[in-house]
Amino acid sequence: MPRWAWNKAAPEAKQRYFELIRQGLSGSKASLEVSVSLSCGSNWFIDAGSVSMIEKPISSRYFSQDDRIEIADGLAAREPVKSIASRIGKTHQSVYREIARNKKPDGTYQPWYAHNQAYLRRARVKEHRVSADDHLRDVIAASLAKHWSPGQISRWLRRRWPHRTTWHLCAETIYAAAYRGLFGPIDRQMLRTGRTYRHKRSRGRNRDGALRQLTNMRSIHDRPTIVETRTQIGHWEGDLERHEAPCNRAEVEGLRRCAVAAA
């Protein structure tokens, strides 16, 4: 069947064809199952940019294949994007991004092509480059034994092996590998910082773990002159250094009466 020929197969047959492909069936068996010719199924397969996945359940926050079919049908019917988004339960901004990211090179949006492209861009867990390369691990371990910092090792690897891009690691990658124990049991002599585990940084703290100071703080020298007169409650300062033990109730009551009398 020529590529430009009109496809008379029902959309349900095409959808069923790709479902069978993702389940692991061959193209010939899937074509036979939906009652189309092998060439027709091959054209579907090629036009969709191949199918590189087996369907797996994912979170409902992502677009499913049914959502993408609804988007394609709505665009074909010249339906507004906001109407399509409300029907599938997504925001219209998400639908606009979906169309822009996964449309075909000719500008058309095809659900099976879009679904496959989204799968190919899905993040996967990759093996750590230091753990995968024994030679690289030995080189970094020898440099750490010389008390080189991870930053120095990172720059040295790029200068020493400029064409071996798999060895071009950032300092953070070397730190992470050290904390994971890829260079042997970590001790205070391995890293210049002397740390044996990573310090978690919380909001409001700097790299050293200290609380960050406010930038809009006022100096004590800028306080108003009325503070020096001690005529308002709250401007009295108790000399606690003279008390070896906490003030008792009678002393606290006496200080309160003095403050009220001064006011």
C-alpha atoms as a PDB file:
ATOM      1  CA  MET A   1       0.000   0.000   0.000  1.00  0.00           C
ATOM      2  CA  PRO A   2       1.533   3.377  -0.941  1.00  0.00           C
ATOM      3  CA  ARG A   3       2.383   5.697   1.889  1.00  0.00           C
ATOM      4  CA  TRP A   4       0.051   8.368   0.515  1.00  0.00           C
ATOM      5  CA  ALA A   5      -2.937   6.029   0.132  1.00  0.00           C
ATOM      6  CA  TRP A   6      -6.070   6.644   2.154  1.00  0.00           C
ATOM      7  CA  ASN A   7      -6.153   4.438   5.222  1.00  0.00           C
ATOM      8  CA  LYS A   8      -9.602   2.871   5.505  1.00  0.00           C
ATOM      9  CA  ALA A   9      -8.904   0.985   8.728  1.00  0.00           C
ATOM     10  CA  ALA A  10     -10.850   2.085  11.791  1.00  0.00           C
ATOM     11  CA  PRO A  11      -8.998   4.090  14.479  1.00  0.00           C
ATOM     12  CA  GLU A  12      -9.848   1.330  16.966  1.00  0.00           C
ATOM     13  CA  ALA A  13      -7.932  -1.172  14.835  1.00  0.00           C
ATOM     14  CA  LYS A  14      -4.885   1.075  14.774  1.00  0.00           C
ATOM     15  CA  GLN A  15      -5.037   1.548  18.518  1.00  0.00           C
ATOM     16  CA  ARG A  16      -5.348  -2.199  19.051  1.00  0.00           C
ATOM     17  CA  TYR A  17      -2.390  -2.788  16.726  1.00  0.00           C
ATOM     18  CA  PHE A  18      -0.049  -0.638  18.823  1.00  0.00           C
ATOM     19  CA  GLU A  19      -1.309  -2.173  22.038  1.00  0.00           C
ATOM     20  CA  LEU A  20      -0.359  -5.617  20.705  1.00  0.00           C
ATOM     21  CA  ILE A  21       3.048  -4.327  19.586  1.00  0.00           C
ATOM     22  CA  ARG A  22       3.740  -2.959  23.064  1.00  0.00           C
ATOM     23  CA  GLN A  23       2.754  -6.290  24.571  1.00  0.00           C
ATOM     24  CA  GLY A  24       5.568  -7.925  22.607  1.00  0.00           C
ATOM     25  CA  LEU A  25       3.788  -9.333  19.537  1.00  0.00           C
ATOM     26  CA  SER A  26       5.503  -9.191  16.180  1.00  0.00           C
ATOM     27  CA  GLY A  27       4.238  -6.925  13.419  1.00  0.00           C
ATOM     28  CA  SER A  28       2.852  -9.799  11.371  1.00  0.00           C
ATOM     29  CA  LYS A  29       0.911 -11.279  14.298  1.00  0.00           C
ATOM     30  CA  ALA A  30      -0.426  -7.892  15.353  1.00  0.00           C
ATOM     31  CA  SER A  31      -1.556  -7.145  11.786  1.00  0.00           C
ATOM     32  CA  LEU A  32      -3.293 -10.504  11.561  1.00  0.00           C
ATOM     33  CA  GLU A  33      -4.996  -9.899  14.901  1.00  0.00           C
ATOM     34  CA  VAL A  34      -6.565  -6.599  13.776  1.00  0.00           C
ATOM     35  CA  SER A  35      -7.329  -7.892  10.240  1.00  0.00           C
ATOM     36  CA  VAL A  36      -5.030  -5.593   8.253  1.00  0.00           C
ATOM     37  CA  SER A  37      -2.233  -6.389   5.850  1.00  0.00           C
ATOM     38  CA  LEU A  38       1.378  -6.580   6.958  1.00  0.00           C
ATOM     39  CA  SER A  39       2.271  -3.585   4.766  1.00  0.00           C
ATOM     40  CA  CYS A  40      -0.483  -1.526   6.389  1.00  0.00           C
ATOM     41  CA  GLY A  41       0.819  -2.366   9.853  1.00  0.00           C
ATOM     42  CA  SER A  42       4.380  -1.639   8.732  1.00  0.00           C
ATOM     43  CA  ASN A  43       3.347   1.798   7.493  1.00  0.00           C
ATOM     44  CA  TRP A  44       1.676   2.492  10.822  1.00  0.00           C
ATOM     45  CA  PHE A  45       4.817   1.388  12.599  1.00  0.00           C
ATOM     46  CA  ILE A  46       7.147   3.517  10.445  1.00  0.00           C
ATOM     47  CA  ASP A  47       4.855   6.547  10.582  1.00  0.00           C
ATOM     48  CA  ALA A  48       4.795   6.361  14.385  1.00  0.00           C
ATOM     49  CA  GLY A  49       8.583   6.508  14.525  1.00  0.00           C
ATOM     50  CA  SER A  50       8.793   2.852  15.643  1.00  0.00           C
ATOM     51  CA  VAL A  51       7.652   1.586  19.043  1.00  0.00           C
ATOM     52  CA  SER A  52      10.434   1.191  21.572  1.00  0.00           C
ATOM     53  CA  MET A  53       8.486   0.325  24.671  1.00  0.00           C
ATOM     54  CA  ILE A  54       6.240  -2.108  26.445  1.00  0.00           C
ATOM     55  CA  GLU A  55       3.404  -0.273  28.140  1.00  0.00           C
ATOM     56  CA  LYS A  56       3.908   0.078  31.892  1.00  0.00           C
ATOM     57  CA  PRO A  57       1.577   1.710  34.403  1.00  0.00           C
ATOM     58  CA  ILE A  58       2.700   5.211  35.316  1.00  0.00           C
ATOM     59  CA  SER A  59       1.335   7.941  37.539  1.00  0.00           C
ATOM     60  CA  SER A  60      -1.925   9.617  36.561  1.00  0.00           C
ATOM     61  CA  ARG A  61      -0.150  12.971  36.542  1.00  0.00           C
ATOM     62  CA  TYR A  62       1.451  12.012  33.216  1.00  0.00           C
ATOM     63  CA  PHE A  63      -0.263  11.779  29.846  1.00  0.00           C
ATOM     64  CA  SER A  64      -1.424   8.297  28.960  1.00  0.00           C
ATOM     65  CA  GLN A  65      -1.867   6.939  25.443  1.00  0.00           C
ATOM     66  CA  ASP A  66      -5.633   7.447  25.743  1.00  0.00           C
ATOM     67  CA  ASP A  67      -5.058  11.093  26.668  1.00  0.00           C
ATOM     68  CA  ARG A  68      -2.904  11.572  23.597  1.00  0.00           C
ATOM     69  CA  ILE A  69      -5.530   9.919  21.404  1.00  0.00           C
ATOM     70  CA  GLU A  70      -8.099  12.381  22.769  1.00  0.00           C
ATOM     71  CA  ILE A  71      -5.751  15.268  22.003  1.00  0.00           C
ATOM     72  CA  ALA A  72      -5.207  14.054  18.428  1.00  0.00           C
ATOM     73  CA  ASP A  73      -8.940  13.577  17.850  1.00  0.00           C
ATOM     74  CA  GLY A  74      -9.689  17.017  19.252  1.00  0.00           C
ATOM     75  CA  LEU A  75      -7.067  18.692  17.083  1.00  0.00           C
ATOM     76  CA  ALA A  76      -8.367  16.876  14.017  1.00  0.00           C
ATOM     77  CA  ALA A  77     -11.874  18.173  14.820  1.00  0.00           C
ATOM     78  CA  ARG A  78     -10.457  21.709  15.314  1.00  0.00           C
ATOM     79  CA  GLU A  79     -11.559  21.675  18.931  1.00  0.00           C
ATOM     80  CA  PRO A  80     -10.081  24.349  21.240  1.00  0.00           C
ATOM     81  CA  VAL A  81      -7.172  23.170  23.346  1.00  0.00           C
ATOM     82  CA  LYS A  82      -8.869  24.320  26.556  1.00  0.00           C
ATOM     83  CA  SER A  83     -11.858  22.125  25.759  1.00  0.00           C
ATOM     84  CA  ILE A  84      -9.583  19.137  25.120  1.00  0.00           C
ATOM     85  CA  ALA A  85      -7.739  19.776  28.383  1.00  0.00           C
ATOM     86  CA  SER A  86     -10.915  19.922  30.439  1.00  0.00           C
ATOM     87  CA  ARG A  87     -12.129  16.662  28.897  1.00  0.00           C
ATOM     88  CA  ILE A  88      -8.992  14.700  29.791  1.00  0.00           C
ATOM     89  CA  GLY A  89      -8.539  16.358  33.191  1.00  0.00           C
ATOM     90  CA  LYS A  90      -5.348  18.297  32.454  1.00  0.00           C
ATOM     91  CA  THR A  91      -4.510  21.985  32.364  1.00  0.00           C
ATOM     92  CA  HIS A  92      -4.451  23.668  28.967  1.00  0.00           C
ATOM     93  CA  GLN A  93      -0.824  24.719  29.596  1.00  0.00           C
ATOM     94  CA  SER A  94       0.143  21.047  29.942  1.00  0.00           C
ATOM     95  CA  VAL A  95      -1.659  20.173  26.723  1.00  0.00           C
ATOM     96  CA  TYR A  96       0.068  23.007  24.868  1.00  0.00           C
ATOM     97  CA  ARG A  97       3.457  21.764  26.108  1.00  0.00           C
ATOM     98  CA  GLU A  98       2.580  18.189  25.149  1.00  0.00           C
ATOM     99  CA  ILE A  99       1.749  19.233  21.584  1.00  0.00           C
ATOM    100  CA  ALA A 100       4.895  21.339  21.255  1.00  0.00           C
ATOM    101  CA  ARG A 101       7.211  18.658  22.626  1.00  0.00           C
ATOM    102  CA  ASN A 102       5.892  15.547  20.932  1.00  0.00           C
ATOM    103  CA  LYS A 103       4.586  16.689  17.575  1.00  0.00           C
ATOM    104  CA  LYS A 104       6.093  15.213  14.425  1.00  0.00           C
ATOM    105  CA  PRO A 105       8.691  17.075  12.348  1.00  0.00           C
ATOM    106  CA  ASP A 106       6.008  18.089   9.853  1.00  0.00           C
ATOM    107  CA  GLY A 107       4.036  19.801  12.654  1.00  0.00           C
ATOM    108  CA  THR A 108       1.235  17.239  12.964  1.00  0.00           C
ATOM    109  CA  TYR A 109       0.375  15.530  16.238  1.00  0.00           C
ATOM    110  CA  GLN A 110       0.043  11.770  16.191  1.00  0.00           C
ATOM    111  CA  PRO A 111      -0.758  10.004  19.485  1.00  0.00           C
ATOM    112  CA  TRP A 112       1.385   6.907  18.946  1.00  0.00           C
ATOM    113  CA  TYR A 113       4.387   8.924  17.805  1.00  0.00           C
ATOM    114  CA  ALA A 114       3.951  11.324  20.742  1.00  0.00           C
ATOM    115  CA  HIS A 115       3.606   8.488  23.246  1.00  0.00           C
ATOM    116  CA  ASN A 116       6.756   6.812  21.984  1.00  0.00           C
ATOM    117  CA  GLN A 117       8.755  10.060  22.028  1.00  0.00           C
ATOM    118  CA  ALA A 118       7.685  10.737  25.604  1.00  0.00           C
ATOM    119  CA  TYR A 119       8.850   7.262  26.596  1.00  0.00           C
ATOM    120  CA  LEU A 120      12.246   7.713  24.955  1.00  0.00           C
ATOM    121  CA  ARG A 121      12.817  10.917  26.947  1.00  0.00           C
ATOM    122  CA  ARG A 122      11.801   9.334  30.229  1.00  0.00           C
ATOM    123  CA  ALA A 123      14.623   9.385  32.778  1.00  0.00           C
ATOM    124  CA  ARG A 124      16.161   6.049  33.666  1.00  0.00           C
ATOM    125  CA  VAL A 125      18.502   5.014  36.437  1.00  0.00           C
ATOM    126  CA  LYS A 126      22.030   4.969  35.050  1.00  0.00           C
ATOM    127  CA  GLU A 127      25.058   3.181  36.442  1.00  0.00           C
ATOM    128  CA  HIS A 128      27.563   5.388  38.208  1.00  0.00           C
ATOM    129  CA  ARG A 129      30.474   6.069  35.877  1.00  0.00           C
ATOM    130  CA  VAL A 130      33.034   5.568  38.628  1.00  0.00           C
ATOM    131  CA  SER A 131      31.648   2.169  39.582  1.00  0.00           C
ATOM    132  CA  ALA A 132      31.425   1.085  35.934  1.00  0.00           C
ATOM    133  CA  ASP A 133      35.095   1.863  35.112  1.00  0.00           C
ATOM    134  CA  ASP A 134      37.675   0.115  37.301  1.00  0.00           C
ATOM    135  CA  HIS A 135      40.617   1.992  35.757  1.00  0.00           C
ATOM    136  CA  LEU A 136      38.990   5.375  36.400  1.00  0.00           C
ATOM    137  CA  ARG A 137      38.222   4.362  39.973  1.00  0.00           C
ATOM    138  CA  ASP A 138      41.853   3.396  40.591  1.00  0.00           C
ATOM    139  CA  VAL A 139      43.130   6.670  39.110  1.00  0.00           C
ATOM    140  CA  ILE A 140      40.859   8.782  41.313  1.00  0.00           C
ATOM    141  CA  ALA A 141      41.672   6.704  44.404  1.00  0.00           C
ATOM    142  CA  ALA A 142      45.404   7.223  43.805  1.00  0.00           C
ATOM    143  CA  SER A 143      44.873  10.977  43.468  1.00  0.00           C
ATOM    144  CA  LEU A 144      42.860  11.112  46.676  1.00  0.00           C
ATOM    145  CA  ALA A 145      45.693   9.268  48.406  1.00  0.00           C
ATOM    146  CA  LYS A 146      47.936  12.198  47.404  1.00  0.00           C
ATOM    147  CA  HIS A 147      45.497  14.513  49.233  1.00  0.00           C
ATOM    148  CA  TRP A 148      44.206  16.062  46.020  1.00  0.00           C
ATOM    149  CA  SER A 149      40.793  17.678  46.263  1.00  0.00           C
ATOM    150  CA  PRO A 150      37.953  16.456  44.014  1.00  0.00           C
ATOM    151  CA  GLY A 151      38.086  19.803  42.220  1.00  0.00           C
ATOM    152  CA  GLN A 152      41.767  19.317  41.399  1.00  0.00           C
ATOM    153  CA  ILE A 153      41.124  15.763  40.245  1.00  0.00           C
ATOM    154  CA  SER A 154      38.279  16.909  38.003  1.00  0.00           C
ATOM    155  CA  ARG A 155      40.447  19.530  36.271  1.00  0.00           C
ATOM    156  CA  TRP A 156      43.415  17.152  36.032  1.00  0.00           C
ATOM    157  CA  LEU A 157      41.339  14.431  34.342  1.00  0.00           C
ATOM    158  CA  ARG A 158      40.229  16.876  31.655  1.00  0.00           C
ATOM    159  CA  ARG A 159      43.787  18.054  30.986  1.00  0.00           C
ATOM    160  CA  ARG A 160      45.367  14.604  31.142  1.00  0.00           C
ATOM    161  CA  TRP A 161      42.783  12.823  28.959  1.00  0.00           C
ATOM    162  CA  PRO A 162      41.098  15.543  26.860  1.00  0.00           C
ATOM    163  CA  HIS A 163      39.643  13.077  24.339  1.00  0.00           C
ATOM    164  CA  ARG A 164      38.332  10.544  26.878  1.00  0.00           C
ATOM    165  CA  THR A 165      35.082  12.309  27.638  1.00  0.00           C
ATOM    166  CA  THR A 166      33.777   9.501  29.853  1.00  0.00           C
ATOM    167  CA  TRP A 167      36.475  10.462  32.356  1.00  0.00           C
ATOM    168  CA  HIS A 168      35.449  14.125  32.460  1.00  0.00           C
ATOM    169  CA  LEU A 169      33.776  14.184  35.858  1.00  0.00           C
ATOM    170  CA  CYS A 170      32.734  17.144  37.932  1.00  0.00           C
ATOM    171  CA  ALA A 171      33.885  17.508  41.520  1.00  0.00           C
ATOM    172  CA  GLU A 172      30.405  16.712  42.849  1.00  0.00           C
ATOM    173  CA  THR A 173      30.480  13.306  41.118  1.00  0.00           C
ATOM    174  CA  ILE A 174      33.775  12.466  42.805  1.00  0.00           C
ATOM    175  CA  TYR A 175      32.437  13.595  46.181  1.00  0.00           C
ATOM    176  CA  ALA A 176      29.336  11.421  45.729  1.00  0.00           C
ATOM    177  CA  ALA A 177      31.461   8.413  44.792  1.00  0.00           C
ATOM    178  CA  ALA A 178      33.665   8.926  47.852  1.00  0.00           C
ATOM    179  CA  TYR A 179      30.700   9.141  50.212  1.00  0.00           C
ATOM    180  CA  ARG A 180      29.283   5.956  48.655  1.00  0.00           C
ATOM    181  CA  GLY A 181      32.517   4.123  49.459  1.00  0.00           C
ATOM    182  CA  LEU A 182      33.551   3.443  45.853  1.00  0.00           C
ATOM    183  CA  PHE A 183      37.198   4.258  46.680  1.00  0.00           C
ATOM    184  CA  GLY A 184      37.250   2.111  49.785  1.00  0.00           C
ATOM    185  CA  PRO A 185      36.132   2.773  53.354  1.00  0.00           C
ATOM    186  CA  ILE A 186      35.956   6.512  53.781  1.00  0.00           C
ATOM    187  CA  ASP A 187      37.865   8.082  56.681  1.00  0.00           C
ATOM    188  CA  ARG A 188      38.913  11.571  57.688  1.00  0.00           C
ATOM    189  CA  GLN A 189      42.134  11.285  55.695  1.00  0.00           C
ATOM    190  CA  MET A 190      40.461  10.680  52.324  1.00  0.00           C
ATOM    191  CA  LEU A 191      38.952  14.148  51.811  1.00  0.00           C
ATOM    192  CA  ARG A 192      40.456  17.467  52.758  1.00  0.00           C
ATOM    193  CA  THR A 193      37.251  18.453  54.492  1.00  0.00           C
ATOM    194  CA  GLY A 194      37.710  15.559  56.903  1.00  0.00           C
ATOM    195  CA  ARG A 195      34.080  14.561  56.500  1.00  0.00           C
ATOM    196  CA  THR A 196      32.983  10.963  56.371  1.00  0.00           C
ATOM    197  CA  TYR A 197      29.387  11.658  55.347  1.00  0.00           C
ATOM    198  CA  ARG A 198      27.538  14.345  53.462  1.00  0.00           C
ATOM    199  CA  HIS A 199      26.111  17.209  55.481  1.00  0.00           C
ATOM    200  CA  LYS A 200      22.565  18.032  54.547  1.00  0.00           C
ATOM    201  CA  ARG A 201      21.919  21.704  53.999  1.00  0.00           C
ATOM    202  CA  SER A 202      18.662  23.130  55.208  1.00  0.00           C
ATOM    203  CA  ARG A 203      17.123  26.413  54.277  1.00  0.00           C
ATOM    204  CA  GLY A 204      18.661  29.379  56.025  1.00  0.00           C
ATOM    205  CA  ARG A 205      22.108  27.805  56.441  1.00  0.00           C
ATOM    206  CA  ASN A 206      25.342  28.354  54.572  1.00  0.00           C
ATOM    207  CA  ARG A 207      27.907  25.796  53.449  1.00  0.00           C
ATOM    208  CA  ASP A 208      29.471  25.648  56.919  1.00  0.00           C
ATOM    209  CA  GLY A 209      26.137  24.848  58.514  1.00  0.00           C
ATOM    210  CA  ALA A 210      25.809  28.215  60.269  1.00  0.00           C
ATOM    211  CA  LEU A 211      22.611  30.206  60.180  1.00  0.00           C
ATOM    212  CA  ARG A 212      22.612  32.930  57.594  1.00  0.00           C
ATOM    213  CA  GLN A 213      22.442  36.450  58.957  1.00  0.00           C
ATOM    214  CA  LEU A 214      19.660  38.759  57.928  1.00  0.00           C
ATOM    215  CA  THR A 215      20.738  41.490  55.538  1.00  0.00           C
ATOM    216  CA  ASN A 216      18.274  44.081  56.872  1.00  0.00           C
ATOM    217  CA  MET A 217      19.462  43.992  60.492  1.00  0.00           C
ATOM    218  CA  ARG A 218      19.985  47.315  62.268  1.00  0.00           C
ATOM    219  CA  SER A 219      23.096  48.071  64.292  1.00  0.00           C
ATOM    220  CA  ILE A 220      22.796  48.689  68.032  1.00  0.00           C
ATOM    221  CA  HIS A 221      24.292  52.133  67.429  1.00  0.00           C
ATOM    222  CA  ASP A 222      21.227  53.067  65.371  1.00  0.00           C
ATOM    223  CA  ARG A 223      18.756  52.571  68.227  1.00  0.00           C
ATOM    224  CA  PRO A 224      16.678  55.632  69.223  1.00  0.00           C
ATOM    225  CA  THR A 225      17.847  57.927  72.025  1.00  0.00           C
ATOM    226  CA  ILE A 226      14.710  57.245  74.090  1.00  0.00           C
ATOM    227  CA  VAL A 227      16.190  53.861  74.943  1.00  0.00           C
ATOM    228  CA  GLU A 228      18.911  55.559  77.003  1.00  0.00           C
ATOM    229  CA  THR A 229      16.347  57.347  79.208  1.00  0.00           C
ATOM    230  CA  ARG A 230      14.776  54.071  80.415  1.00  0.00           C
ATOM    231  CA  THR A 231      11.355  55.741  80.583  1.00  0.00           C
ATOM    232  CA  GLN A 232       9.431  53.038  78.697  1.00  0.00           C
ATOM    233  CA  ILE A 233       8.712  49.472  79.676  1.00  0.00           C
ATOM    234  CA  GLY A 234      10.874  47.093  77.688  1.00  0.00           C
ATOM    235  CA  HIS A 235      13.975  49.292  77.745  1.00  0.00           C
ATOM    236  CA  TRP A 236      15.129  47.945  81.123  1.00  0.00           C
ATOM    237  CA  GLU A 237      18.057  45.537  81.006  1.00  0.00           C
ATOM    238  CA  GLY A 238      18.562  43.153  83.922  1.00  0.00           C
ATOM    239  CA  ASP A 239      22.122  42.377  84.994  1.00  0.00           C
ATOM    240  CA  LEU A 240      21.852  38.614  85.172  1.00  0.00           C
ATOM    241  CA  GLU A 241      25.595  38.083  85.610  1.00  0.00           C
ATOM    242  CA  ARG A 242      25.350  39.082  89.268  1.00  0.00           C
ATOM    243  CA  HIS A 243      22.917  36.261  90.006  1.00  0.00           C
ATOM    244  CA  GLU A 244      24.542  32.903  90.588  1.00  0.00           C
ATOM    245  CA  ALA A 245      21.092  31.293  90.671  1.00  0.00           C
ATOM    246  CA  PRO A 246      17.873  32.155  88.809  1.00  0.00           C
ATOM    247  CA  CYS A 247      15.839  34.991  90.267  1.00  0.00           C
ATOM    248  CA  ASN A 248      13.137  33.938  92.705  1.00  0.00           C
ATOM    249  CA  ARG A 249       9.552  35.102  92.504  1.00  0.00           C
ATOM    250  CA  ALA A 250      10.061  38.001  94.932  1.00  0.00           C
ATOM    251  CA  GLU A 251      12.966  39.427  92.932  1.00  0.00           C
ATOM    252  CA  VAL A 252      10.999  39.173  89.680  1.00  0.00           C
ATOM    253  CA  GLU A 253       8.068  40.983  91.306  1.00  0.00           C
ATOM    254  CA  GLY A 254      10.413  43.702  92.548  1.00  0.00           C
ATOM    255  CA  LEU A 255      11.846  44.282  89.097  1.00  0.00           C
ATOM    256  CA  ARG A 256       8.333  44.508  87.670  1.00  0.00           C
ATOM    257  CA  ARG A 257       7.317  47.146  90.255  1.00  0.00           C
ATOM    258  CA  CYS A 258      10.439  49.235  89.494  1.00  0.00           C
ATOM    259  CA  ALA A 259       9.599  49.177  85.804  1.00  0.00           C
ATOM    260  CA  VAL A 260       6.026  50.255  86.448  1.00  0.00           C
ATOM    261  CA  ALA A 261       7.131  53.052  88.771  1.00  0.00           C
ATOM    262  CA  ALA A 262       9.641  54.344  86.223  1.00  0.00           C
ATOM    263  CA  ALA A 263       6.954  54.405  83.565  1.00  0.00           C
END
